[in-house]
Amino acid sequence: STSRKFSDVGLVQVSDRSPAAMNAAENEVGCALADESVAVGCELADRRDDLQHCLRRLPVKLRNIIWWRYQKDVRVQAIASKLGISIRSVYLFLEKAHGLLLECVRRRMGCIHEISGK
């Protein structure tokens, strides 16, 4: 199997803002998260509950950006405009939120030691 880890997924360069490139990057991140979740062998319902818990624990600004981007399908440019920040900042906030969510979900699933070797 060609399982990927979330930490192995590269970020799309901010200069490449084409819809195709951004969709490809988001799909890559989603696939990597899914692959990693399957690799740890935890149940889907538990992962969903853990993710919902972790989403609620995010700082409000990060939670709002995640909600607008993924729940409401708001374009990054529109989020940047709404918040009065640069497009690059939106991508950095998304990256930060993804990292926090992954760490939190791993911890909630009790799998962080298995994955990180800690």
PDB file of N, CA and C in Angstrom:
ATOM      1  N   SER A   1       0.841  -1.186   0.000  1.00  0.00           N
ATOM      2  CA  SER A   1       0.000   0.000   0.000  1.00  0.00           C
ATOM      3  C   SER A   1       0.884   1.246   0.000  1.00  0.00           C
ATOM      4  N   THR A   2       0.361   2.303  -0.551  1.00  0.00           N
ATOM      5  CA  THR A   2       1.120   3.559  -0.616  1.00  0.00           C
ATOM      6  C   THR A   2       0.556   4.541   0.387  1.00  0.00           C
ATOM      7  N   SER A   3       0.453   4.101   1.604  1.00  0.00           N
ATOM      8  CA  SER A   3      -0.098   4.936   2.656  1.00  0.00           C
ATOM      9  C   SER A   3       0.801   6.137   2.918  1.00  0.00           C
ATOM     10  N   ARG A   4       0.166   7.316   3.070  1.00  0.00           N
ATOM     11  CA  ARG A   4       0.916   8.540   3.342  1.00  0.00           C
ATOM     12  C   ARG A   4       0.608   8.996   4.747  1.00  0.00           C
ATOM     13  N   LYS A   5       1.509   9.781   5.286  1.00  0.00           N
ATOM     14  CA  LYS A   5       1.281  10.407   6.577  1.00  0.00           C
ATOM     15  C   LYS A   5       1.001  11.871   6.348  1.00  0.00           C
ATOM     16  N   PHE A   6       0.155  12.444   7.198  1.00  0.00           N
ATOM     17  CA  PHE A   6      -0.188  13.863   7.087  1.00  0.00           C
ATOM     18  C   PHE A   6       1.060  14.719   7.083  1.00  0.00           C
ATOM     19  N   SER A   7       2.026  14.369   7.919  1.00  0.00           N
ATOM     20  CA  SER A   7       3.242  15.172   8.028  1.00  0.00           C
ATOM     21  C   SER A   7       4.090  15.113   6.758  1.00  0.00           C
ATOM     22  N   ASP A   8       3.846  14.125   5.881  1.00  0.00           N
ATOM     23  CA  ASP A   8       4.606  13.986   4.644  1.00  0.00           C
ATOM     24  C   ASP A   8       4.022  14.804   3.497  1.00  0.00           C
ATOM     25  N   VAL A   9       2.830  15.346   3.681  1.00  0.00           N
ATOM     26  CA  VAL A   9       2.166  16.077   2.605  1.00  0.00           C
ATOM     27  C   VAL A   9       2.754  17.472   2.507  1.00  0.00           C
ATOM     28  N   GLY A  10       3.207  17.837   1.313  1.00  0.00           N
ATOM     29  CA  GLY A  10       3.769  19.164   1.101  1.00  0.00           C
ATOM     30  C   GLY A  10       2.666  20.186   0.918  1.00  0.00           C
ATOM     31  N   LEU A  11       2.948  21.426   1.255  1.00  0.00           N
ATOM     32  CA  LEU A  11       1.971  22.488   1.064  1.00  0.00           C
ATOM     33  C   LEU A  11       2.124  23.078  -0.324  1.00  0.00           C
ATOM     34  N   VAL A  12       1.012  23.492  -0.905  1.00  0.00           N
ATOM     35  CA  VAL A  12       1.040  24.140  -2.208  1.00  0.00           C
ATOM     36  C   VAL A  12       1.633  25.527  -2.027  1.00  0.00           C
ATOM     37  N   GLN A  13       2.490  25.911  -2.949  1.00  0.00           N
ATOM     38  CA  GLN A  13       3.073  27.240  -2.893  1.00  0.00           C
ATOM     39  C   GLN A  13       1.957  28.270  -2.984  1.00  0.00           C
ATOM     40  N   VAL A  14       2.048  29.313  -2.180  1.00  0.00           N
ATOM     41  CA  VAL A  14       1.024  30.353  -2.177  1.00  0.00           C
ATOM     42  C   VAL A  14       0.914  31.000  -3.549  1.00  0.00           C
ATOM     43  N   SER A  15       2.011  31.044  -4.313  1.00  0.00           N
ATOM     44  CA  SER A  15       1.968  31.657  -5.634  1.00  0.00           C
ATOM     45  C   SER A  15       1.107  30.866  -6.606  1.00  0.00           C
ATOM     46  N   ASP A  16       0.851  29.601  -6.325  1.00  0.00           N
ATOM     47  CA  ASP A  16       0.010  28.767  -7.186  1.00  0.00           C
ATOM     48  C   ASP A  16      -1.391  28.744  -6.596  1.00  0.00           C
ATOM     49  N   ARG A  17      -2.192  29.723  -6.961  1.00  0.00           N
ATOM     50  CA  ARG A  17      -3.529  29.863  -6.374  1.00  0.00           C
ATOM     51  C   ARG A  17      -4.624  29.373  -7.314  1.00  0.00           C
ATOM     52  N   SER A  18      -4.271  28.627  -8.335  1.00  0.00           N
ATOM     53  CA  SER A  18      -5.293  28.160  -9.266  1.00  0.00           C
ATOM     54  C   SER A  18      -6.252  27.230  -8.530  1.00  0.00           C
ATOM     55  N   PRO A  19      -7.521  27.254  -8.915  1.00  0.00           N
ATOM     56  CA  PRO A  19      -8.488  26.365  -8.259  1.00  0.00           C
ATOM     57  C   PRO A  19      -8.073  24.898  -8.338  1.00  0.00           C
ATOM     58  N   ALA A  20      -7.524  24.494  -9.472  1.00  0.00           N
ATOM     59  CA  ALA A  20      -7.115  23.097  -9.617  1.00  0.00           C
ATOM     60  C   ALA A  20      -6.001  22.754  -8.635  1.00  0.00           C
ATOM     61  N   ALA A  21      -5.023  23.650  -8.479  1.00  0.00           N
ATOM     62  CA  ALA A  21      -3.917  23.397  -7.556  1.00  0.00           C
ATOM     63  C   ALA A  21      -4.406  23.362  -6.113  1.00  0.00           C
ATOM     64  N   MET A  22      -5.306  24.267  -5.766  1.00  0.00           N
ATOM     65  CA  MET A  22      -5.809  24.308  -4.388  1.00  0.00           C
ATOM     66  C   MET A  22      -6.659  23.084  -4.086  1.00  0.00           C
ATOM     67  N   ASN A  23      -7.510  22.682  -5.038  1.00  0.00           N
ATOM     68  CA  ASN A  23      -8.320  21.480  -4.826  1.00  0.00           C
ATOM     69  C   ASN A  23      -7.431  20.253  -4.703  1.00  0.00           C
ATOM     70  N   ALA A  24      -6.399  20.188  -5.527  1.00  0.00           N
ATOM     71  CA  ALA A  24      -5.467  19.064  -5.447  1.00  0.00           C
ATOM     72  C   ALA A  24      -4.784  19.024  -4.090  1.00  0.00           C
ATOM     73  N   ALA A  25      -4.371  20.184  -3.584  1.00  0.00           N
ATOM     74  CA  ALA A  25      -3.705  20.239  -2.277  1.00  0.00           C
ATOM     75  C   ALA A  25      -4.654  19.829  -1.163  1.00  0.00           C
ATOM     76  N   GLU A  26      -5.891  20.315  -1.216  1.00  0.00           N
ATOM     77  CA  GLU A  26      -6.861  19.956  -0.181  1.00  0.00           C
ATOM     78  C   GLU A  26      -7.194  18.466  -0.241  1.00  0.00           C
ATOM     79  N   ASN A  27      -7.303  17.931  -1.448  1.00  0.00           N
ATOM     80  CA  ASN A  27      -7.554  16.496  -1.585  1.00  0.00           C
ATOM     81  C   ASN A  27      -6.388  15.684  -1.054  1.00  0.00           C
ATOM     82  N   GLU A  28      -5.166  16.144  -1.312  1.00  0.00           N
ATOM     83  CA  GLU A  28      -3.972  15.459  -0.828  1.00  0.00           C
ATOM     84  C   GLU A  28      -3.944  15.427   0.695  1.00  0.00           C
ATOM     85  N   VAL A  29      -4.243  16.559   1.318  1.00  0.00           N
ATOM     86  CA  VAL A  29      -4.279  16.617   2.779  1.00  0.00           C
ATOM     87  C   VAL A  29      -5.370  15.692   3.316  1.00  0.00           C
ATOM     88  N   GLY A  30      -6.540  15.756   2.698  1.00  0.00           N
ATOM     89  CA  GLY A  30      -7.646  14.893   3.128  1.00  0.00           C
ATOM     90  C   GLY A  30      -7.301  13.421   2.991  1.00  0.00           C
ATOM     91  N   CYS A  31      -6.688  13.052   1.873  1.00  0.00           N
ATOM     92  CA  CYS A  31      -6.302  11.654   1.658  1.00  0.00           C
ATOM     93  C   CYS A  31      -5.243  11.216   2.669  1.00  0.00           C
ATOM     94  N   ALA A  32      -4.297  12.102   2.941  1.00  0.00           N
ATOM     95  CA  ALA A  32      -3.247  11.760   3.900  1.00  0.00           C
ATOM     96  C   ALA A  32      -3.831  11.562   5.295  1.00  0.00           C
ATOM     97  N   LEU A  33      -4.761  12.437   5.675  1.00  0.00           N
ATOM     98  CA  LEU A  33      -5.416  12.282   6.983  1.00  0.00           C
ATOM     99  C   LEU A  33      -6.194  10.970   7.034  1.00  0.00           C
ATOM    100  N   ALA A  34      -6.906  10.675   5.960  1.00  0.00           N
ATOM    101  CA  ALA A  34      -7.686   9.436   5.918  1.00  0.00           C
ATOM    102  C   ALA A  34      -6.771   8.218   5.979  1.00  0.00           C
ATOM    103  N   ASP A  35      -5.679   8.243   5.197  1.00  0.00           N
ATOM    104  CA  ASP A  35      -4.735   7.126   5.212  1.00  0.00           C
ATOM    105  C   ASP A  35      -4.155   6.907   6.598  1.00  0.00           C
ATOM    106  N   GLU A  36      -3.792   8.004   7.249  1.00  0.00           N
ATOM    107  CA  GLU A  36      -3.200   7.900   8.573  1.00  0.00           C
ATOM    108  C   GLU A  36      -4.220   7.376   9.584  1.00  0.00           C
ATOM    109  N   SER A  37      -5.467   7.814   9.458  1.00  0.00           N
ATOM    110  CA  SER A  37      -6.507   7.347  10.372  1.00  0.00           C
ATOM    111  C   SER A  37      -6.727   5.847  10.231  1.00  0.00           C
ATOM    112  N   VAL A  38      -6.743   5.366   8.998  1.00  0.00           N
ATOM    113  CA  VAL A  38      -6.922   3.939   8.759  1.00  0.00           C
ATOM    114  C   VAL A  38      -5.743   3.168   9.336  1.00  0.00           C
ATOM    115  N   ALA A  39      -4.542   3.724   9.170  1.00  0.00           N
ATOM    116  CA  ALA A  39      -3.333   3.038   9.633  1.00  0.00           C
ATOM    117  C   ALA A  39      -3.360   2.799  11.134  1.00  0.00           C
ATOM    118  N   VAL A  40      -3.936   3.669  11.906  1.00  0.00           N
ATOM    119  CA  VAL A  40      -3.949   3.485  13.358  1.00  0.00           C
ATOM    120  C   VAL A  40      -5.067   2.562  13.813  1.00  0.00           C
ATOM    121  N   GLY A  41      -5.968   2.209  12.924  1.00  0.00           N
ATOM    122  CA  GLY A  41      -6.965   1.190  13.219  1.00  0.00           C
ATOM    123  C   GLY A  41      -8.066   1.585  14.180  1.00  0.00           C
ATOM    124  N   CYS A  42      -8.393   2.846  14.300  1.00  0.00           N
ATOM    125  CA  CYS A  42      -9.459   3.275  15.194  1.00  0.00           C
ATOM    126  C   CYS A  42     -10.785   3.308  14.433  1.00  0.00           C
ATOM    127  N   GLU A  43     -11.881   3.200  15.124  1.00  0.00           N
ATOM    128  CA  GLU A  43     -13.205   3.146  14.517  1.00  0.00           C
ATOM    129  C   GLU A  43     -13.647   4.503  13.972  1.00  0.00           C
ATOM    130  N   LEU A  44     -14.388   4.486  12.861  1.00  0.00           N
ATOM    131  CA  LEU A  44     -14.849   5.708  12.203  1.00  0.00           C
ATOM    132  C   LEU A  44     -15.711   6.575  13.118  1.00  0.00           C
ATOM    133  N   ALA A  45     -16.654   5.996  13.803  1.00  0.00           N
ATOM    134  CA  ALA A  45     -17.527   6.781  14.676  1.00  0.00           C
ATOM    135  C   ALA A  45     -16.734   7.472  15.783  1.00  0.00           C
ATOM    136  N   ASP A  46     -15.769   6.773  16.335  1.00  0.00           N
ATOM    137  CA  ASP A  46     -14.925   7.364  17.374  1.00  0.00           C
ATOM    138  C   ASP A  46     -14.104   8.513  16.812  1.00  0.00           C
ATOM    139  N   ARG A  47     -13.569   8.335  15.603  1.00  0.00           N
ATOM    140  CA  ARG A  47     -12.782   9.401  14.977  1.00  0.00           C
ATOM    141  C   ARG A  47     -13.636  10.628  14.737  1.00  0.00           C
ATOM    142  N   ARG A  48     -14.878  10.425  14.285  1.00  0.00           N
ATOM    143  CA  ARG A  48     -15.771  11.560  14.032  1.00  0.00           C
ATOM    144  C   ARG A  48     -16.063  12.300  15.332  1.00  0.00           C
ATOM    145  N   ASP A  49     -16.343  11.573  16.392  1.00  0.00           N
ATOM    146  CA  ASP A  49     -16.584  12.205  17.694  1.00  0.00           C
ATOM    147  C   ASP A  49     -15.345  12.950  18.186  1.00  0.00           C
ATOM    148  N   ASP A  50     -14.199  12.320  18.014  1.00  0.00           N
ATOM    149  CA  ASP A  50     -12.943  12.958  18.424  1.00  0.00           C
ATOM    150  C   ASP A  50     -12.695  14.233  17.629  1.00  0.00           C
ATOM    151  N   LEU A  51     -12.934  14.172  16.324  1.00  0.00           N
ATOM    152  CA  LEU A  51     -12.732  15.351  15.484  1.00  0.00           C
ATOM    153  C   LEU A  51     -13.676  16.471  15.886  1.00  0.00           C
ATOM    154  N   GLN A  52     -14.937  16.150  16.147  1.00  0.00           N
ATOM    155  CA  GLN A  52     -15.887  17.178  16.579  1.00  0.00           C
ATOM    156  C   GLN A  52     -15.446  17.808  17.894  1.00  0.00           C
ATOM    157  N   HIS A  53     -14.984  16.989  18.811  1.00  0.00           N
ATOM    158  CA  HIS A  53     -14.474  17.501  20.083  1.00  0.00           C
ATOM    159  C   HIS A  53     -13.299  18.449  19.837  1.00  0.00           C
ATOM    160  N   CYS A  54     -12.384  18.029  18.991  1.00  0.00           N
ATOM    161  CA  CYS A  54     -11.183  18.828  18.720  1.00  0.00           C
ATOM    162  C   CYS A  54     -11.523  20.118  17.984  1.00  0.00           C
ATOM    163  N   LEU A  55     -12.485  20.081  17.082  1.00  0.00           N
ATOM    164  CA  LEU A  55     -12.921  21.297  16.403  1.00  0.00           C
ATOM    165  C   LEU A  55     -13.442  22.319  17.409  1.00  0.00           C
ATOM    166  N   ARG A  56     -14.200  21.848  18.393  1.00  0.00           N
ATOM    167  CA  ARG A  56     -14.734  22.760  19.412  1.00  0.00           C
ATOM    168  C   ARG A  56     -13.624  23.378  20.264  1.00  0.00           C
ATOM    169  N   ARG A  57     -12.491  22.710  20.364  1.00  0.00           N
ATOM    170  CA  ARG A  57     -11.387  23.204  21.189  1.00  0.00           C
ATOM    171  C   ARG A  57     -10.462  24.168  20.449  1.00  0.00           C
ATOM    172  N   LEU A  58     -10.610  24.273  19.139  1.00  0.00           N
ATOM    173  CA  LEU A  58      -9.773  25.204  18.386  1.00  0.00           C
ATOM    174  C   LEU A  58     -10.062  26.640  18.812  1.00  0.00           C
ATOM    175  N   PRO A  59      -9.065  27.507  18.731  1.00  0.00           N
ATOM    176  CA  PRO A  59      -9.343  28.936  18.945  1.00  0.00           C
ATOM    177  C   PRO A  59     -10.412  29.396  17.944  1.00  0.00           C
ATOM    178  N   VAL A  60     -11.225  30.343  18.351  1.00  0.00           N
ATOM    179  CA  VAL A  60     -12.372  30.788  17.552  1.00  0.00           C
ATOM    180  C   VAL A  60     -11.974  31.164  16.129  1.00  0.00           C
ATOM    181  N   LYS A  61     -10.885  31.908  15.986  1.00  0.00           N
ATOM    182  CA  LYS A  61     -10.476  32.350  14.647  1.00  0.00           C
ATOM    183  C   LYS A  61     -10.175  31.151  13.749  1.00  0.00           C
ATOM    184  N   LEU A  62      -9.432  30.171  14.261  1.00  0.00           N
ATOM    185  CA  LEU A  62      -9.112  28.981  13.471  1.00  0.00           C
ATOM    186  C   LEU A  62     -10.367  28.169  13.172  1.00  0.00           C
ATOM    187  N   ARG A  63     -11.236  28.036  14.165  1.00  0.00           N
ATOM    188  CA  ARG A  63     -12.477  27.281  13.977  1.00  0.00           C
ATOM    189  C   ARG A  63     -13.337  27.935  12.904  1.00  0.00           C
ATOM    190  N   ASN A  64     -13.421  29.266  12.926  1.00  0.00           N
ATOM    191  CA  ASN A  64     -14.205  29.975  11.914  1.00  0.00           C
ATOM    192  C   ASN A  64     -13.621  29.790  10.524  1.00  0.00           C
ATOM    193  N   ILE A  65     -12.305  29.869  10.403  1.00  0.00           N
ATOM    194  CA  ILE A  65     -11.671  29.690   9.096  1.00  0.00           C
ATOM    195  C   ILE A  65     -11.919  28.277   8.575  1.00  0.00           C
ATOM    196  N   ILE A  66     -11.775  27.281   9.427  1.00  0.00           N
ATOM    197  CA  ILE A  66     -12.051  25.894   9.027  1.00  0.00           C
ATOM    198  C   ILE A  66     -13.518  25.762   8.609  1.00  0.00           C
ATOM    199  N   TRP A  67     -14.420  26.327   9.383  1.00  0.00           N
ATOM    200  CA  TRP A  67     -15.858  26.234   9.094  1.00  0.00           C
ATOM    201  C   TRP A  67     -16.180  26.890   7.752  1.00  0.00           C
ATOM    202  N   TRP A  68     -15.673  28.117   7.538  1.00  0.00           N
ATOM    203  CA  TRP A  68     -15.947  28.804   6.270  1.00  0.00           C
ATOM    204  C   TRP A  68     -15.388  28.017   5.087  1.00  0.00           C
ATOM    205  N   ARG A  69     -14.148  27.534   5.244  1.00  0.00           N
ATOM    206  CA  ARG A  69     -13.481  26.881   4.110  1.00  0.00           C
ATOM    207  C   ARG A  69     -14.104  25.532   3.772  1.00  0.00           C
ATOM    208  N   TYR A  70     -14.339  24.707   4.778  1.00  0.00           N
ATOM    209  CA  TYR A  70     -14.760  23.335   4.511  1.00  0.00           C
ATOM    210  C   TYR A  70     -16.256  23.104   4.658  1.00  0.00           C
ATOM    211  N   GLN A  71     -16.922  23.788   5.540  1.00  0.00           N
ATOM    212  CA  GLN A  71     -18.362  23.597   5.731  1.00  0.00           C
ATOM    213  C   GLN A  71     -19.153  24.452   4.750  1.00  0.00           C
ATOM    214  N   LYS A  72     -18.708  25.679   4.560  1.00  0.00           N
ATOM    215  CA  LYS A  72     -19.427  26.614   3.685  1.00  0.00           C
ATOM    216  C   LYS A  72     -18.783  26.752   2.307  1.00  0.00           C
ATOM    217  N   ASP A  73     -17.628  26.114   2.098  1.00  0.00           N
ATOM    218  CA  ASP A  73     -16.918  26.137   0.817  1.00  0.00           C
ATOM    219  C   ASP A  73     -16.597  27.558   0.350  1.00  0.00           C
ATOM    220  N   VAL A  74     -16.223  28.412   1.307  1.00  0.00           N
ATOM    221  CA  VAL A  74     -15.848  29.794   0.998  1.00  0.00           C
ATOM    222  C   VAL A  74     -14.414  29.782   0.471  1.00  0.00           C
ATOM    223  N   ARG A  75     -14.180  30.497  -0.606  1.00  0.00           N
ATOM    224  CA  ARG A  75     -12.843  30.565  -1.189  1.00  0.00           C
ATOM    225  C   ARG A  75     -11.878  31.274  -0.236  1.00  0.00           C
ATOM    226  N   VAL A  76     -10.622  30.881  -0.317  1.00  0.00           N
ATOM    227  CA  VAL A  76      -9.589  31.440   0.547  1.00  0.00           C
ATOM    228  C   VAL A  76      -9.520  32.960   0.382  1.00  0.00           C
ATOM    229  N   GLN A  77      -9.623  33.428  -0.846  1.00  0.00           N
ATOM    230  CA  GLN A  77      -9.571  34.864  -1.101  1.00  0.00           C
ATOM    231  C   GLN A  77     -10.692  35.595  -0.369  1.00  0.00           C
ATOM    232  N   ALA A  78     -11.880  35.010  -0.342  1.00  0.00           N
ATOM    233  CA  ALA A  78     -13.019  35.629   0.341  1.00  0.00           C
ATOM    234  C   ALA A  78     -12.816  35.628   1.858  1.00  0.00           C
ATOM    235  N   ILE A  79     -12.244  34.558   2.383  1.00  0.00           N
ATOM    236  CA  ILE A  79     -11.953  34.499   3.821  1.00  0.00           C
ATOM    237  C   ILE A  79     -10.945  35.586   4.185  1.00  0.00           C
ATOM    238  N   ALA A  80      -9.908  35.719   3.372  1.00  0.00           N
ATOM    239  CA  ALA A  80      -8.890  36.745   3.614  1.00  0.00           C
ATOM    240  C   ALA A  80      -9.519  38.127   3.625  1.00  0.00           C
ATOM    241  N   SER A  81     -10.381  38.386   2.655  1.00  0.00           N
ATOM    242  CA  SER A  81     -11.043  39.680   2.565  1.00  0.00           C
ATOM    243  C   SER A  81     -11.943  39.921   3.778  1.00  0.00           C
ATOM    244  N   LYS A  82     -12.698  38.902   4.161  1.00  0.00           N
ATOM    245  CA  LYS A  82     -13.617  39.014   5.299  1.00  0.00           C
ATOM    246  C   LYS A  82     -12.874  39.327   6.596  1.00  0.00           C
ATOM    247  N   LEU A  83     -11.686  38.725   6.758  1.00  0.00           N
ATOM    248  CA  LEU A  83     -10.915  38.919   7.983  1.00  0.00           C
ATOM    249  C   LEU A  83      -9.915  40.065   7.896  1.00  0.00           C
ATOM    250  N   GLY A  84      -9.749  40.619   6.703  1.00  0.00           N
ATOM    251  CA  GLY A  84      -8.784  41.702   6.531  1.00  0.00           C
ATOM    252  C   GLY A  84      -7.341  41.243   6.675  1.00  0.00           C
ATOM    253  N   ILE A  85      -7.066  40.010   6.216  1.00  0.00           N
ATOM    254  CA  ILE A  85      -5.721  39.452   6.287  1.00  0.00           C
ATOM    255  C   ILE A  85      -5.303  39.003   4.887  1.00  0.00           C
ATOM    256  N   SER A  86      -4.042  38.664   4.740  1.00  0.00           N
ATOM    257  CA  SER A  86      -3.546  38.213   3.437  1.00  0.00           C
ATOM    258  C   SER A  86      -4.003  36.780   3.152  1.00  0.00           C
ATOM    259  N   ILE A  87      -3.981  36.439   1.881  1.00  0.00           N
ATOM    260  CA  ILE A  87      -4.307  35.071   1.470  1.00  0.00           C
ATOM    261  C   ILE A  87      -3.305  34.103   2.100  1.00  0.00           C
ATOM    262  N   ARG A  88      -2.044  34.489   2.104  1.00  0.00           N
ATOM    263  CA  ARG A  88      -1.013  33.649   2.718  1.00  0.00           C
ATOM    264  C   ARG A  88      -1.331  33.377   4.186  1.00  0.00           C
ATOM    265  N   SER A  89      -1.830  34.391   4.886  1.00  0.00           N
ATOM    266  CA  SER A  89      -2.182  34.208   6.299  1.00  0.00           C
ATOM    267  C   SER A  89      -3.305  33.187   6.456  1.00  0.00           C
ATOM    268  N   VAL A  90      -4.267  33.210   5.549  1.00  0.00           N
ATOM    269  CA  VAL A  90      -5.353  32.217   5.615  1.00  0.00           C
ATOM    270  C   VAL A  90      -4.768  30.818   5.483  1.00  0.00           C
ATOM    271  N   TYR A  91      -3.866  30.632   4.512  1.00  0.00           N
ATOM    272  CA  TYR A  91      -3.236  29.319   4.347  1.00  0.00           C
ATOM    273  C   TYR A  91      -2.439  28.916   5.576  1.00  0.00           C
ATOM    274  N   LEU A  92      -1.755  29.861   6.200  1.00  0.00           N
ATOM    275  CA  LEU A  92      -1.003  29.560   7.417  1.00  0.00           C
ATOM    276  C   LEU A  92      -1.943  29.182   8.558  1.00  0.00           C
ATOM    277  N   PHE A  93      -3.081  29.881   8.669  1.00  0.00           N
ATOM    278  CA  PHE A  93      -4.072  29.527   9.685  1.00  0.00           C
ATOM    279  C   PHE A  93      -4.652  28.137   9.425  1.00  0.00           C
ATOM    280  N   LEU A  94      -4.922  27.812   8.158  1.00  0.00           N
ATOM    281  CA  LEU A  94      -5.429  26.474   7.819  1.00  0.00           C
ATOM    282  C   LEU A  94      -4.405  25.399   8.173  1.00  0.00           C
ATOM    283  N   GLU A  95      -3.138  25.666   7.873  1.00  0.00           N
ATOM    284  CA  GLU A  95      -2.078  24.724   8.208  1.00  0.00           C
ATOM    285  C   GLU A  95      -2.003  24.524   9.726  1.00  0.00           C
ATOM    286  N   LYS A  96      -2.074  25.608  10.468  1.00  0.00           N
ATOM    287  CA  LYS A  96      -2.035  25.537  11.931  1.00  0.00           C
ATOM    288  C   LYS A  96      -3.223  24.733  12.462  1.00  0.00           C
ATOM    289  N   ALA A  97      -4.407  25.019  11.929  1.00  0.00           N
ATOM    290  CA  ALA A  97      -5.611  24.305  12.369  1.00  0.00           C
ATOM    291  C   ALA A  97      -5.506  22.814  12.060  1.00  0.00           C
ATOM    292  N   HIS A  98      -5.031  22.461  10.866  1.00  0.00           N
ATOM    293  CA  HIS A  98      -4.876  21.044  10.511  1.00  0.00           C
ATOM    294  C   HIS A  98      -3.934  20.348  11.486  1.00  0.00           C
ATOM    295  N   GLY A  99      -2.820  20.996  11.805  1.00  0.00           N
ATOM    296  CA  GLY A  99      -1.859  20.405  12.737  1.00  0.00           C
ATOM    297  C   GLY A  99      -2.446  20.215  14.130  1.00  0.00           C
ATOM    298  N   LEU A 100      -3.148  21.230  14.616  1.00  0.00           N
ATOM    299  CA  LEU A 100      -3.777  21.126  15.940  1.00  0.00           C
ATOM    300  C   LEU A 100      -4.838  20.038  15.962  1.00  0.00           C
ATOM    301  N   LEU A 101      -5.635  19.971  14.899  1.00  0.00           N
ATOM    302  CA  LEU A 101      -6.674  18.943  14.831  1.00  0.00           C
ATOM    303  C   LEU A 101      -6.073  17.547  14.797  1.00  0.00           C
ATOM    304  N   LEU A 102      -5.046  17.361  13.998  1.00  0.00           N
ATOM    305  CA  LEU A 102      -4.417  16.050  13.905  1.00  0.00           C
ATOM    306  C   LEU A 102      -3.835  15.622  15.244  1.00  0.00           C
ATOM    307  N   GLU A 103      -3.131  16.529  15.897  1.00  0.00           N
ATOM    308  CA  GLU A 103      -2.547  16.217  17.205  1.00  0.00           C
ATOM    309  C   GLU A 103      -3.631  15.891  18.235  1.00  0.00           C
ATOM    310  N   CYS A 104      -4.681  16.695  18.247  1.00  0.00           N
ATOM    311  CA  CYS A 104      -5.769  16.489  19.204  1.00  0.00           C
ATOM    312  C   CYS A 104      -6.480  15.161  18.961  1.00  0.00           C
ATOM    313  N   VAL A 105      -6.786  14.866  17.709  1.00  0.00           N
ATOM    314  CA  VAL A 105      -7.487  13.611  17.389  1.00  0.00           C
ATOM    315  C   VAL A 105      -6.613  12.417  17.759  1.00  0.00           C
ATOM    316  N   ARG A 106      -5.336  12.495  17.436  1.00  0.00           N
ATOM    317  CA  ARG A 106      -4.428  11.406  17.809  1.00  0.00           C
ATOM    318  C   ARG A 106      -4.430  11.189  19.312  1.00  0.00           C
ATOM    319  N   ARG A 107      -4.356  12.283  20.060  1.00  0.00           N
ATOM    320  CA  ARG A 107      -4.335  12.181  21.516  1.00  0.00           C
ATOM    321  C   ARG A 107      -5.643  11.583  22.027  1.00  0.00           C
ATOM    322  N   ARG A 108      -6.767  12.053  21.474  1.00  0.00           N
ATOM    323  CA  ARG A 108      -8.082  11.555  21.909  1.00  0.00           C
ATOM    324  C   ARG A 108      -8.251  10.074  21.594  1.00  0.00           C
ATOM    325  N   MET A 109      -7.659   9.627  20.507  1.00  0.00           N
ATOM    326  CA  MET A 109      -7.782   8.220  20.123  1.00  0.00           C
ATOM    327  C   MET A 109      -6.810   7.339  20.906  1.00  0.00           C
ATOM    328  N   GLY A 110      -5.913   7.988  21.655  1.00  0.00           N
ATOM    329  CA  GLY A 110      -4.934   7.205  22.403  1.00  0.00           C
ATOM    330  C   GLY A 110      -3.880   6.592  21.514  1.00  0.00           C
ATOM    331  N   CYS A 111      -3.711   7.152  20.339  1.00  0.00           N
ATOM    332  CA  CYS A 111      -2.792   6.566  19.359  1.00  0.00           C
ATOM    333  C   CYS A 111      -1.523   7.377  19.182  1.00  0.00           C
ATOM    334  N   ILE A 112      -1.376   8.471  19.888  1.00  0.00           N
ATOM    335  CA  ILE A 112      -0.222   9.337  19.634  1.00  0.00           C
ATOM    336  C   ILE A 112       1.091   8.627  19.917  1.00  0.00           C
ATOM    337  N   HIS A 113       1.130   7.744  20.882  1.00  0.00           N
ATOM    338  CA  HIS A 113       2.370   7.033  21.190  1.00  0.00           C
ATOM    339  C   HIS A 113       2.726   6.055  20.087  1.00  0.00           C
ATOM    340  N   GLU A 114       1.700   5.418  19.504  1.00  0.00           N
ATOM    341  CA  GLU A 114       1.945   4.475  18.430  1.00  0.00           C
ATOM    342  C   GLU A 114       2.503   5.171  17.210  1.00  0.00           C
ATOM    343  N   ILE A 115       2.012   6.353  16.893  1.00  0.00           N
ATOM    344  CA  ILE A 115       2.388   7.058  15.677  1.00  0.00           C
ATOM    345  C   ILE A 115       3.737   7.734  15.822  1.00  0.00           C
ATOM    346  N   SER A 116       3.906   8.471  16.888  1.00  0.00           N
ATOM    347  CA  SER A 116       5.106   9.284  17.044  1.00  0.00           C
ATOM    348  C   SER A 116       6.262   8.533  17.681  1.00  0.00           C
ATOM    349  N   GLY A 117       5.982   7.402  18.285  1.00  0.00           N
ATOM    350  CA  GLY A 117       7.044   6.662  18.967  1.00  0.00           C
ATOM    351  C   GLY A 117       7.399   7.224  20.319  1.00  0.00           C
ATOM    352  N   LYS A 118       6.597   8.167  20.831  1.00  0.00           N
ATOM    353  CA  LYS A 118       6.883   8.791  22.137  1.00  0.00           C
ATOM    354  C   LYS A 118       6.478   7.874  23.261  1.00  0.00           C
TER     355      LYS A 118
END
